[in-house]
Amino acid sequence: MASSVLHNETREDLTQSTATSRLIALEGKYGAHNYKPLDVVIERGEGVWLYDVEGRRYLDFLAAYSAVNQGHCHPRILAAMQEQAHRVTLTSRAFRNDQLPLFCKELAELAGHEMVLPMNSGAEAVESALKVARKWGYKIKGIPEGKAEIIVCANNFHGRTISIVGFSTEPQYRDGFGPFTPGFKIIPFGDAATLRDAITPNTAAFLFEPIQGEAGVIVPPAGYLADVAAICKQNNVLLMADEIQSGLGRTGKLFACQHENVKPDVVIVGKALAGGFYPVSAVISSQEVLGVLHPGEHGSTFGGNPMACAIARAALRVLIEEKLTERSEEMGKVLMERLQQIRSPHIREIRGKGLWVAIELNGPARPVCEALMQQGLLCKETHDNVVRLAPPLTIEREDLLWACDRIQSVLEHL
């Protein structure tokens, strides 16, 4: 009875002009405070636009951290989801389904690899890749049991699990969560020589982001990707690229590693793999690497479910057939050129690739994001002083320039 009354009161309140404040208060009371979102309450999205509960419209310049590269509620992906929902949504992996084989084939061929391990969230895919790398190290490379090492980069962001935050260099991500999983070695990002020096006979893999997203869209020096690929190959170390944010068209290439013609041994994808409709992720690799897994050694009830696979297949078709990777490259050049015209003493650096750009400031970025929200543009700060820009890849030139005008106005009037 109490829950019914609460529901009725909530529905009634939402019809009033205080819908935003009421919903924020409810979230603050009943939801864990593990995020600090902007105080806008979204109820609808279409393409590059979002609409709040008061009816205001905003241009989305975050794209759910690159999960909606195809735009919000893309009709082709929506149709695939609705069709599959009428057929079957979940079978578990105890039985086979007719979507998983097609999904694995299409994704493997798209990435130029042989096998796919389907998972749900990006963090789950990273954890899966870590397990596979260790097992490969023991069973194929011949590392003594319990001695496998995995090298990672400082300022990385690969997820929020205990193992992953254990090798983070961000104190806030680690505070209060130890003890942590051993077996990881941290080196600077963008310095290939340090990777060469860090490798030992017990090194199974090098896990890295081709462009570090959460760190502030940090682009490594030219030649870095090719250099680390060569070093890993020379030392029989798996090159594992976390392309969860950087992949699937975001940087103007299907995968960011392709900017230097690098093909990693393991590619980890998620986010835009399902166009924002469903949590879908995957580890993509060779038969040698993923072949170390046998029945009962790793799994997921929802990983590879027919609903996820049908949605992901549609999302990939949209990405390729609508040439969104090429669009990211084209519109990324427009975005960078326009932003570099802004003259503001608050700008320290503008960097990025494709439609993934960071404006690093010499002061806090949160007030800038809040001011942009008031002008109808939604983006989010990262690492306190960086404004991260990542609109859906479907954005039109006119809308892109509209956003840049507002960014210029805010920065010039701080």
Protein backbone atom coordinates (compact mmCIF):
# COMPACT_ATOMS: atom_id res chain seq x y z
CA MET A 1 0.00 0.00 0.00
CA ALA A 2 2.76 2.44 0.92
CA SER A 3 4.58 1.90 -2.38
CA SER A 4 1.32 2.49 -4.30
CA VAL A 5 0.75 5.77 -2.50
CA LEU A 6 4.31 6.87 -3.18
CA HIS A 7 3.90 6.01 -6.86
CA ASN A 8 0.67 8.02 -7.10
CA GLU A 9 2.19 11.00 -5.33
CA THR A 10 5.22 10.89 -7.60
CA ARG A 11 3.11 10.77 -10.77
CA GLU A 12 1.02 13.72 -9.56
CA ASP A 13 4.08 15.77 -8.68
CA LEU A 14 5.59 15.17 -12.12
CA THR A 15 2.72 17.08 -13.71
CA GLN A 16 3.76 20.20 -11.84
CA SER A 17 6.47 22.69 -12.82
CA THR A 18 8.65 21.28 -10.04
CA ALA A 19 9.14 17.96 -11.84
CA THR A 20 12.89 18.44 -12.11
CA SER A 21 13.50 19.31 -8.47
CA ARG A 22 11.09 16.60 -7.29
CA LEU A 23 12.87 13.87 -9.27
CA ILE A 24 16.28 15.08 -8.17
CA ALA A 25 15.13 14.96 -4.56
CA LEU A 26 13.77 11.42 -4.98
CA GLU A 27 17.03 10.24 -6.53
CA GLY A 28 18.99 11.89 -3.74
CA LYS A 29 16.86 10.15 -1.11
CA TYR A 30 16.61 6.64 -2.58
CA GLY A 31 19.59 6.33 -4.90
CA ALA A 32 23.23 5.73 -3.91
CA HIS A 33 25.28 8.90 -4.32
CA ASN A 34 27.97 7.45 -6.57
CA TYR A 35 27.53 10.02 -9.34
CA LYS A 36 27.36 13.80 -9.53
CA PRO A 37 25.27 14.43 -12.66
CA LEU A 38 24.25 17.79 -14.01
CA ASP A 39 20.86 18.79 -12.69
CA VAL A 40 18.92 18.07 -15.84
CA VAL A 41 16.33 15.26 -15.87
CA ILE A 42 15.98 13.66 -19.30
CA GLU A 43 12.78 11.92 -20.33
CA ARG A 44 13.21 11.55 -24.10
CA GLY A 45 15.87 11.43 -26.79
CA GLU A 46 15.88 11.49 -30.58
CA GLY A 47 18.96 11.62 -32.79
CA VAL A 48 21.36 14.16 -31.31
CA TRP A 49 18.71 15.84 -29.16
CA LEU A 50 17.54 15.21 -25.60
CA TYR A 51 14.39 16.56 -23.92
CA ASP A 52 13.92 17.09 -20.19
CA VAL A 53 10.81 16.69 -18.05
CA GLU A 54 10.06 20.40 -18.43
CA GLY A 55 10.02 20.13 -22.22
CA ARG A 56 13.37 21.86 -22.81
CA ARG A 57 15.58 20.63 -25.65
CA TYR A 58 19.33 20.04 -25.45
CA LEU A 59 21.99 19.03 -27.95
CA ASP A 60 23.76 15.98 -26.57
CA PHE A 61 27.54 16.45 -26.66
CA LEU A 62 28.40 13.43 -24.53
CA ALA A 63 26.55 10.60 -26.33
CA ALA A 64 26.37 8.59 -23.09
CA TYR A 65 30.17 8.37 -23.01
CA SER A 66 30.14 7.20 -26.66
CA ALA A 67 27.44 4.55 -26.12
CA VAL A 68 25.05 6.25 -28.55
CA ASN A 69 27.36 6.87 -31.50
CA GLN A 70 24.36 6.02 -33.71
CA GLY A 71 22.21 8.69 -32.05
CA HIS A 72 19.39 8.29 -29.55
CA CYS A 73 16.66 5.76 -30.33
CA HIS A 74 17.87 5.06 -33.87
CA PRO A 75 14.79 3.70 -35.68
CA ARG A 76 16.60 0.77 -37.31
CA ILE A 77 18.02 -0.45 -34.02
CA LEU A 78 14.69 0.13 -32.30
CA ALA A 79 12.93 -1.98 -34.93
CA ALA A 80 15.43 -4.82 -34.42
CA MET A 81 14.89 -4.66 -30.67
CA GLN A 82 11.12 -4.71 -30.99
CA GLU A 83 11.18 -7.60 -33.46
CA GLN A 84 13.43 -9.70 -31.24
CA ALA A 85 11.42 -8.85 -28.12
CA HIS A 86 8.42 -10.52 -29.75
CA ARG A 87 10.44 -13.67 -30.45
CA VAL A 88 12.71 -14.51 -27.49
CA THR A 89 14.84 -12.31 -25.23
CA LEU A 90 16.85 -14.69 -23.07
CA THR A 91 17.77 -18.36 -23.19
CA SER A 92 20.96 -18.31 -21.06
CA ARG A 93 23.95 -20.10 -22.53
CA ALA A 94 22.52 -23.44 -21.41
CA PHE A 95 20.86 -23.49 -24.84
CA ARG A 96 21.84 -22.08 -28.20
CA ASN A 97 20.02 -19.21 -29.93
CA ASP A 98 19.80 -18.16 -33.56
CA GLN A 99 21.31 -14.67 -33.08
CA LEU A 100 24.58 -15.44 -31.29
CA PRO A 101 26.33 -17.25 -34.18
CA LEU A 102 25.53 -14.41 -36.59
CA PHE A 103 26.64 -11.76 -34.10
CA CYS A 104 29.97 -13.51 -33.46
CA LYS A 105 30.64 -13.97 -37.18
CA GLU A 106 29.78 -10.40 -38.12
CA LEU A 107 31.76 -8.80 -35.28
CA ALA A 108 34.80 -11.05 -35.76
CA GLU A 109 34.93 -10.33 -39.48
CA LEU A 110 34.45 -6.61 -38.92
CA ALA A 111 37.42 -6.55 -36.53
CA GLY A 112 39.55 -8.85 -38.66
CA HIS A 113 39.75 -11.56 -36.01
CA GLU A 114 38.56 -15.14 -35.57
CA MET A 115 36.52 -15.43 -32.37
CA VAL A 116 34.26 -13.41 -30.10
CA LEU A 117 33.52 -13.76 -26.38
CA PRO A 118 30.21 -11.93 -25.70
CA MET A 119 29.66 -10.14 -22.41
CA ASN A 120 27.46 -7.31 -21.11
CA SER A 121 29.22 -4.27 -19.65
CA GLY A 122 32.58 -2.87 -20.66
CA ALA A 123 34.08 -3.63 -17.27
CA GLU A 124 32.91 -7.23 -17.56
CA ALA A 125 34.61 -7.50 -20.96
CA VAL A 126 37.85 -6.11 -19.52
CA GLU A 127 37.72 -8.58 -16.62
CA SER A 128 37.14 -11.37 -19.15
CA ALA A 129 40.13 -10.24 -21.19
CA LEU A 130 42.32 -10.22 -18.08
CA LYS A 131 41.29 -13.80 -17.26
CA VAL A 132 41.92 -14.93 -20.83
CA ALA A 133 45.32 -13.22 -20.93
CA ARG A 134 46.45 -14.94 -17.74
CA LYS A 135 45.22 -18.33 -18.91
CA TRP A 136 46.93 -17.83 -22.28
CA GLY A 137 50.12 -16.92 -20.43
CA TYR A 138 50.04 -20.18 -18.49
CA LYS A 139 48.73 -22.58 -21.14
CA ILE A 140 50.34 -21.19 -24.30
CA LYS A 141 53.30 -19.01 -23.35
CA GLY A 142 54.40 -21.26 -20.49
CA ILE A 143 54.53 -18.75 -17.63
CA PRO A 144 54.88 -20.53 -14.25
CA GLU A 145 51.52 -20.90 -12.47
CA GLY A 146 50.66 -17.88 -10.33
CA LYS A 147 53.40 -15.67 -11.83
CA ALA A 148 51.64 -13.99 -14.75
CA GLU A 149 51.98 -10.21 -15.02
CA ILE A 150 49.85 -7.77 -16.98
CA ILE A 151 51.22 -4.30 -17.74
CA VAL A 152 48.86 -1.31 -17.72
CA CYS A 153 49.21 2.46 -18.11
CA ALA A 154 49.01 5.27 -15.59
CA ASN A 155 45.80 7.32 -15.76
CA ASN A 156 43.98 4.35 -17.26
CA PHE A 157 40.26 3.79 -17.00
CA HIS A 158 39.07 0.26 -17.72
CA GLY A 159 36.07 0.02 -15.39
CA ARG A 160 35.10 -0.14 -11.72
CA THR A 161 35.62 -3.71 -10.53
CA ILE A 162 37.96 -4.55 -7.64
CA SER A 163 40.66 -5.88 -9.95
CA ILE A 164 40.44 -2.91 -12.30
CA VAL A 165 40.44 -0.14 -9.69
CA GLY A 166 43.35 -1.97 -8.06
CA PHE A 167 45.59 -0.97 -10.96
CA SER A 168 44.12 2.52 -11.34
CA THR A 169 46.33 5.49 -10.47
CA GLU A 170 43.33 7.65 -9.48
CA PRO A 171 43.23 7.72 -5.65
CA GLN A 172 39.46 8.30 -5.55
CA TYR A 173 38.78 5.12 -7.52
CA ARG A 174 40.81 3.07 -5.01
CA ASP A 175 39.91 4.69 -1.70
CA GLY A 176 38.32 2.20 0.67
CA PHE A 177 38.20 -0.75 -1.74
CA GLY A 178 41.41 -2.70 -0.97
CA PRO A 179 42.98 -5.19 -0.70
CA PHE A 180 43.52 -5.41 -4.44
CA THR A 181 44.32 -8.15 -6.93
CA PRO A 182 48.09 -8.57 -7.48
CA GLY A 183 49.82 -9.21 -10.79
CA PHE A 184 49.67 -5.78 -12.45
CA LYS A 185 52.49 -3.41 -13.30
CA ILE A 186 51.85 0.27 -14.07
CA ILE A 187 53.93 2.30 -16.55
CA PRO A 188 53.52 5.80 -18.04
CA PHE A 189 51.18 6.17 -21.02
CA GLY A 190 52.68 7.27 -24.33
CA ASP A 191 56.25 6.08 -23.61
CA ALA A 192 57.03 2.90 -25.53
CA ALA A 193 60.53 2.60 -24.08
CA THR A 194 59.12 2.08 -20.59
CA LEU A 195 57.04 -0.82 -21.88
CA ARG A 196 60.12 -2.50 -23.31
CA ASP A 197 61.92 -2.11 -19.99
CA ALA A 198 58.95 -3.37 -17.95
CA ILE A 199 58.46 -6.64 -19.83
CA THR A 200 59.76 -9.81 -18.16
CA PRO A 201 59.48 -13.50 -19.11
CA ASN A 202 56.33 -13.56 -16.94
CA THR A 203 54.55 -10.78 -18.83
CA ALA A 204 51.39 -12.12 -20.43
CA ALA A 205 49.81 -8.94 -21.79
CA PHE A 206 49.87 -5.19 -22.16
CA LEU A 207 46.42 -3.61 -21.62
CA PHE A 208 45.98 -0.04 -22.84
CA GLU A 209 43.58 2.51 -24.30
CA PRO A 210 44.68 3.81 -27.73
CA ILE A 211 43.37 7.18 -26.55
CA GLN A 212 42.74 7.63 -22.84
CA GLY A 213 39.17 8.84 -22.47
CA GLU A 214 38.43 9.32 -18.79
CA ALA A 215 41.89 10.82 -18.31
CA GLY A 216 40.85 13.66 -20.60
CA VAL A 217 41.04 12.39 -24.19
CA ILE A 218 44.80 11.96 -24.00
CA VAL A 219 46.22 11.23 -27.47
CA PRO A 220 49.60 9.46 -27.39
CA PRO A 221 52.57 10.68 -29.47
CA ALA A 222 52.65 9.70 -33.12
CA GLY A 223 54.18 6.27 -33.56
CA TYR A 224 53.36 5.07 -30.04
CA LEU A 225 50.75 2.52 -31.09
CA ALA A 226 53.00 1.02 -33.74
CA ASP A 227 55.94 0.94 -31.34
CA VAL A 228 54.11 -0.88 -28.52
CA ALA A 229 52.67 -3.34 -31.04
CA ALA A 230 56.17 -4.17 -32.28
CA ILE A 231 57.52 -4.51 -28.73
CA CYS A 232 54.72 -6.88 -27.73
CA LYS A 233 55.23 -9.01 -30.81
CA GLN A 234 58.99 -9.24 -30.22
CA ASN A 235 58.40 -10.40 -26.64
CA ASN A 236 55.41 -12.73 -27.20
CA VAL A 237 53.16 -10.45 -25.13
CA LEU A 238 49.48 -9.99 -25.95
CA LEU A 239 48.62 -6.49 -27.11
CA MET A 240 45.16 -5.83 -25.62
CA ALA A 241 43.40 -2.66 -26.76
CA ASP A 242 40.48 -1.33 -24.73
CA GLU A 243 38.40 0.24 -27.52
CA ILE A 244 35.23 0.50 -25.45
CA GLN A 245 35.07 4.28 -25.85
CA SER A 246 37.55 4.88 -28.67
CA GLY A 247 36.22 2.17 -30.97
CA LEU A 248 33.28 1.84 -33.34
CA GLY A 249 33.85 5.08 -35.22
CA ARG A 250 34.37 7.56 -32.40
CA THR A 251 37.84 8.78 -33.51
CA GLY A 252 37.30 8.75 -37.27
CA LYS A 253 38.46 5.15 -37.65
CA LEU A 254 36.47 2.02 -36.91
CA PHE A 255 39.04 1.33 -34.18
CA ALA A 256 41.46 3.94 -32.87
CA CYS A 257 44.41 1.54 -33.31
CA GLN A 258 43.86 1.81 -37.06
CA HIS A 259 45.26 5.33 -37.02
CA GLU A 260 48.66 3.59 -37.04
CA ASN A 261 47.58 0.42 -38.86
CA VAL A 262 47.87 -1.62 -35.66
CA LYS A 263 45.91 -4.84 -35.21
CA PRO A 264 45.91 -5.80 -31.51
CA ASP A 265 45.91 -9.41 -30.40
CA VAL A 266 42.82 -8.66 -28.31
CA VAL A 267 40.21 -5.95 -28.89
CA ILE A 268 37.68 -5.07 -26.18
CA VAL A 269 34.48 -3.34 -27.27
CA GLY A 270 31.24 -2.22 -25.63
CA LYS A 271 29.13 0.95 -25.37
CA ALA A 272 28.21 1.78 -29.02
CA LEU A 273 28.15 -1.94 -29.81
CA ALA A 274 24.42 -1.78 -29.04
CA GLY A 275 23.71 1.86 -29.89
CA GLY A 276 22.55 2.67 -26.37
CA PHE A 277 19.66 0.20 -26.38
CA TYR A 278 21.20 -2.56 -24.29
CA PRO A 279 24.42 -3.38 -22.41
CA VAL A 280 26.51 -5.41 -24.86
CA SER A 281 30.27 -5.92 -24.84
CA ALA A 282 32.74 -8.38 -26.29
CA VAL A 283 36.31 -9.59 -26.32
CA ILE A 284 37.54 -10.16 -29.89
CA SER A 285 40.65 -12.20 -30.60
CA SER A 286 42.19 -15.25 -32.28
CA GLN A 287 41.38 -18.90 -31.84
CA GLU A 288 44.71 -19.34 -30.06
CA VAL A 289 43.81 -16.76 -27.39
CA LEU A 290 40.08 -17.31 -26.86
CA GLY A 291 40.54 -21.01 -27.45
CA VAL A 292 42.08 -21.35 -23.97
CA LEU A 293 38.56 -21.19 -22.52
CA HIS A 294 36.68 -24.44 -22.06
CA PRO A 295 33.09 -25.10 -20.89
CA GLY A 296 32.59 -24.17 -17.25
CA GLU A 297 35.66 -21.91 -16.96
CA HIS A 298 33.98 -18.58 -17.73
CA GLY A 299 30.49 -17.38 -18.55
CA SER A 300 27.56 -15.03 -18.13
CA THR A 301 23.81 -15.64 -17.95
CA PHE A 302 23.07 -12.63 -20.13
CA GLY A 303 26.24 -12.55 -22.26
CA GLY A 304 25.34 -13.42 -25.84
CA ASN A 305 21.59 -13.43 -25.23
CA PRO A 306 19.42 -13.22 -28.38
CA MET A 307 18.08 -9.76 -27.59
CA ALA A 308 21.60 -8.37 -27.14
CA CYS A 309 22.89 -10.02 -30.29
CA ALA A 310 19.99 -8.84 -32.47
CA ILE A 311 20.41 -5.28 -31.23
CA ALA A 312 24.19 -5.32 -31.67
CA ARG A 313 23.91 -6.68 -35.19
CA ALA A 314 21.57 -3.82 -36.10
CA ALA A 315 23.83 -1.27 -34.39
CA LEU A 316 26.83 -2.48 -36.39
CA ARG A 317 24.86 -2.34 -39.64
CA VAL A 318 23.87 1.25 -38.92
CA LEU A 319 27.46 2.16 -38.15
CA ILE A 320 28.75 0.71 -41.42
CA GLU A 321 25.90 1.36 -43.85
CA GLU A 322 25.37 4.96 -42.73
CA LYS A 323 29.15 5.57 -42.88
CA LEU A 324 29.27 6.99 -39.37
CA THR A 325 33.02 6.38 -39.02
CA GLU A 326 33.66 8.49 -42.10
CA ARG A 327 31.25 11.09 -40.77
CA SER A 328 33.17 11.22 -37.49
CA GLU A 329 36.37 11.94 -39.36
CA GLU A 330 34.75 14.65 -41.47
CA MET A 331 32.81 16.36 -38.67
CA GLY A 332 35.74 15.96 -36.29
CA LYS A 333 37.83 18.18 -38.52
CA VAL A 334 35.05 20.77 -38.57
CA LEU A 335 34.77 20.64 -34.77
CA MET A 336 38.50 20.98 -34.15
CA GLU A 337 38.91 23.81 -36.67
CA ARG A 338 36.01 25.76 -35.18
CA LEU A 339 37.12 25.27 -31.56
CA GLN A 340 40.63 26.45 -32.37
CA GLN A 341 39.15 29.80 -33.43
CA ILE A 342 38.05 30.48 -29.85
CA ARG A 343 40.22 33.01 -28.06
CA SER A 344 39.94 32.56 -24.33
CA PRO A 345 42.54 32.87 -21.57
CA HIS A 346 40.81 29.94 -19.85
CA ILE A 347 41.82 27.41 -22.53
CA ARG A 348 45.03 25.50 -21.89
CA GLU A 349 44.76 22.98 -24.72
CA ILE A 350 42.33 21.53 -27.26
CA ARG A 351 43.04 17.95 -28.35
CA GLY A 352 41.36 14.87 -29.75
CA LYS A 353 40.60 12.77 -32.82
CA GLY A 354 37.39 12.55 -34.80
CA LEU A 355 34.34 13.50 -32.77
CA TRP A 356 36.17 12.97 -29.48
CA VAL A 357 37.66 16.23 -28.27
CA ALA A 358 38.76 17.66 -24.94
CA ILE A 359 39.05 21.29 -23.93
CA GLU A 360 41.52 21.48 -21.06
CA LEU A 361 41.05 24.60 -18.94
CA ASN A 362 43.24 26.36 -16.41
CA GLY A 363 40.38 26.21 -13.93
CA PRO A 364 37.40 24.01 -13.00
CA ALA A 365 35.30 22.66 -15.87
CA ARG A 366 32.08 22.06 -13.95
CA PRO A 367 30.89 25.69 -14.13
CA VAL A 368 31.48 25.66 -17.88
CA CYS A 369 29.34 22.54 -18.28
CA GLU A 370 26.60 24.04 -16.13
CA ALA A 371 26.64 27.25 -18.18
CA LEU A 372 26.47 25.27 -21.41
CA MET A 373 23.50 23.35 -20.04
CA GLN A 374 21.67 26.63 -19.57
CA GLN A 375 22.31 27.36 -23.25
CA GLY A 376 20.94 24.02 -24.37
CA LEU A 377 24.16 22.05 -24.75
CA LEU A 378 24.96 18.99 -22.62
CA CYS A 379 28.54 17.88 -21.97
CA LYS A 380 30.43 16.74 -18.90
CA GLU A 381 33.65 17.51 -17.10
CA THR A 382 36.33 14.93 -16.46
CA HIS A 383 39.33 15.21 -14.13
CA ASP A 384 38.03 18.54 -12.80
CA ASN A 385 39.49 20.83 -15.49
CA VAL A 386 38.60 19.11 -18.79
CA VAL A 387 35.41 19.50 -20.81
CA ARG A 388 34.90 16.36 -22.89
CA LEU A 389 33.01 16.68 -26.18
CA ALA A 390 31.60 13.60 -27.90
CA PRO A 391 28.35 14.11 -29.81
CA PRO A 392 26.58 11.26 -31.62
CA LEU A 393 28.27 10.56 -34.93
CA THR A 394 25.03 11.37 -36.73
CA ILE A 395 25.37 15.09 -35.97
CA GLU A 396 24.85 17.54 -38.81
CA ARG A 397 27.34 20.32 -39.56
CA GLU A 398 24.77 23.00 -38.71
CA ASP A 399 24.13 21.56 -35.25
CA LEU A 400 27.86 21.09 -34.66
CA LEU A 401 28.55 24.75 -35.39
CA TRP A 402 25.55 25.77 -33.25
CA ALA A 403 27.20 23.96 -30.34
CA CYS A 404 30.57 25.57 -31.03
CA ASP A 405 29.00 29.03 -30.94
CA ARG A 406 27.69 28.33 -27.45
CA ILE A 407 31.00 26.92 -26.28
CA GLN A 408 32.72 30.07 -27.53
CA SER A 409 30.16 32.30 -25.84
CA VAL A 410 30.53 30.57 -22.48
CA LEU A 411 34.33 30.48 -22.54
CA GLU A 412 34.66 34.09 -23.62
CA HIS A 413 32.29 35.31 -20.91
CA LEU A 414 33.57 33.30 -17.96
